[in-house]
Amino acid sequence: MPMTATSSIEAAGKTYDKPSPMRSTTGEPGDEQSLQPGTRVEVRDRFRGAWAHGYEIAEVAEAGYRVRRLSDNTLLPATFSGEEVRTSRRRQGLWWW
């Protein structure tokens, strides 16, 4: 089955919808949303795969999102896809959060 560049990806005998770089998830299945500048987000660490908090969307680019680190107001040089950012979740019951 040929793969189209805009609609799906075939891997391991299964077909999956291609993720949109302009969509993000809040961590719940099927819960996608567009993120706007100023939205606080968590960013997926590209080395360990863990989520890091303390970021916000600085701008929406054609290839994804530009992200700003809140601790020092630095705009990160990389562009992040919708799968690499999610809205920040307030942790309940933790004294340090």
Protein backbone atom coordinates (compact mmCIF):
# COMPACT_ATOMS: atom_id res chain seq x y z
CA MET A 1 0.00 0.00 0.00
CA PRO A 2 1.60 3.32 -1.03
CA MET A 3 1.97 5.98 1.63
CA THR A 4 0.69 9.46 0.90
CA ALA A 5 2.74 12.39 2.16
CA THR A 6 -0.18 14.25 3.68
CA SER A 7 -2.54 11.78 5.30
CA SER A 8 -1.05 8.68 6.90
CA ILE A 9 2.03 6.66 7.83
CA GLU A 10 2.36 2.90 7.49
CA ALA A 11 4.53 1.12 10.04
CA ALA A 12 4.69 -2.50 11.15
CA GLY A 13 1.75 -3.38 8.92
CA LYS A 14 -0.55 -0.75 10.46
CA THR A 15 -1.63 2.63 9.10
CA TYR A 16 -1.58 5.68 11.37
CA ASP A 17 -2.74 9.26 10.80
CA LYS A 18 0.16 11.66 10.47
CA PRO A 19 0.41 13.98 13.48
CA SER A 20 -0.18 17.62 12.78
CA PRO A 21 2.65 19.93 13.90
CA MET A 22 0.07 22.54 14.88
CA ARG A 23 -1.86 20.36 17.35
CA SER A 24 -0.99 19.41 20.87
CA THR A 25 -2.40 17.17 23.50
CA THR A 26 -3.16 17.73 27.15
CA GLY A 27 -2.11 14.18 27.87
CA GLU A 28 -5.57 12.64 27.60
CA PRO A 29 -6.34 10.38 24.61
CA GLY A 30 -8.29 12.19 21.90
CA ASP A 31 -7.88 15.57 23.61
CA GLU A 32 -6.17 17.73 20.99
CA GLN A 33 -6.12 21.50 20.82
CA SER A 34 -4.32 24.32 19.06
CA LEU A 35 -1.93 26.18 21.35
CA GLN A 36 -1.75 29.97 21.31
CA PRO A 37 1.20 32.22 22.25
CA GLY A 38 1.38 32.67 26.02
CA THR A 39 0.00 29.20 26.80
CA ARG A 40 2.05 27.48 29.51
CA VAL A 41 3.28 24.12 28.30
CA GLU A 42 5.45 21.16 29.18
CA VAL A 43 8.10 20.13 26.65
CA ARG A 44 9.21 16.58 25.93
CA ASP A 45 12.93 16.05 26.52
CA ARG A 46 14.36 14.70 23.25
CA PHE A 47 16.99 12.60 25.05
CA ARG A 48 15.07 10.91 27.87
CA GLY A 49 11.48 11.38 26.70
CA ALA A 50 10.42 12.94 30.03
CA TRP A 51 8.16 16.00 30.24
CA ALA A 52 9.73 19.23 31.56
CA HIS A 53 7.61 22.10 32.92
CA GLY A 54 8.34 25.83 32.96
CA TYR A 55 7.80 26.81 29.30
CA GLU A 56 5.30 28.77 27.25
CA ILE A 57 4.41 29.03 23.58
CA ALA A 58 6.24 32.07 22.18
CA GLU A 59 4.93 31.81 18.63
CA VAL A 60 3.25 29.45 16.22
CA ALA A 61 5.55 28.72 13.28
CA GLU A 62 4.82 26.88 10.04
CA ALA A 63 6.79 23.82 11.22
CA GLY A 64 5.45 23.78 14.80
CA TYR A 65 5.85 25.85 17.95
CA ARG A 66 8.59 28.20 19.17
CA VAL A 67 8.93 27.83 22.93
CA ARG A 68 10.21 30.21 25.62
CA ARG A 69 11.76 29.03 28.91
CA LEU A 70 10.07 30.94 31.75
CA SER A 71 12.96 30.82 34.23
CA ASP A 72 15.17 33.13 32.17
CA ASN A 73 12.81 34.27 29.38
CA THR A 74 15.00 32.59 26.71
CA LEU A 75 13.49 31.66 23.35
CA LEU A 76 14.67 28.13 22.56
CA PRO A 77 16.39 27.75 19.16
CA ALA A 78 14.46 24.59 18.18
CA THR A 79 10.94 24.31 16.76
CA PHE A 80 8.74 21.74 18.53
CA SER A 81 6.00 19.64 16.92
CA GLY A 82 2.59 19.20 18.49
CA GLU A 83 3.66 15.82 19.88
CA GLU A 84 6.55 17.43 21.78
CA VAL A 85 4.47 19.97 23.74
CA ARG A 86 1.41 19.67 25.95
CA THR A 87 -0.46 22.11 28.12
CA SER A 88 0.91 22.35 31.65
CA ARG A 89 -0.99 20.40 34.22
CA ARG A 90 -1.22 21.62 37.78
CA ARG A 91 -0.13 18.83 40.10
CA GLN A 92 -2.47 18.37 43.00
CA GLY A 93 -1.37 17.60 46.53
CA LEU A 94 2.36 18.18 46.08
CA TRP A 95 3.85 20.71 48.48
CA TRP A 96 6.49 21.88 45.99
CA TRP A 97 4.10 22.64 43.14
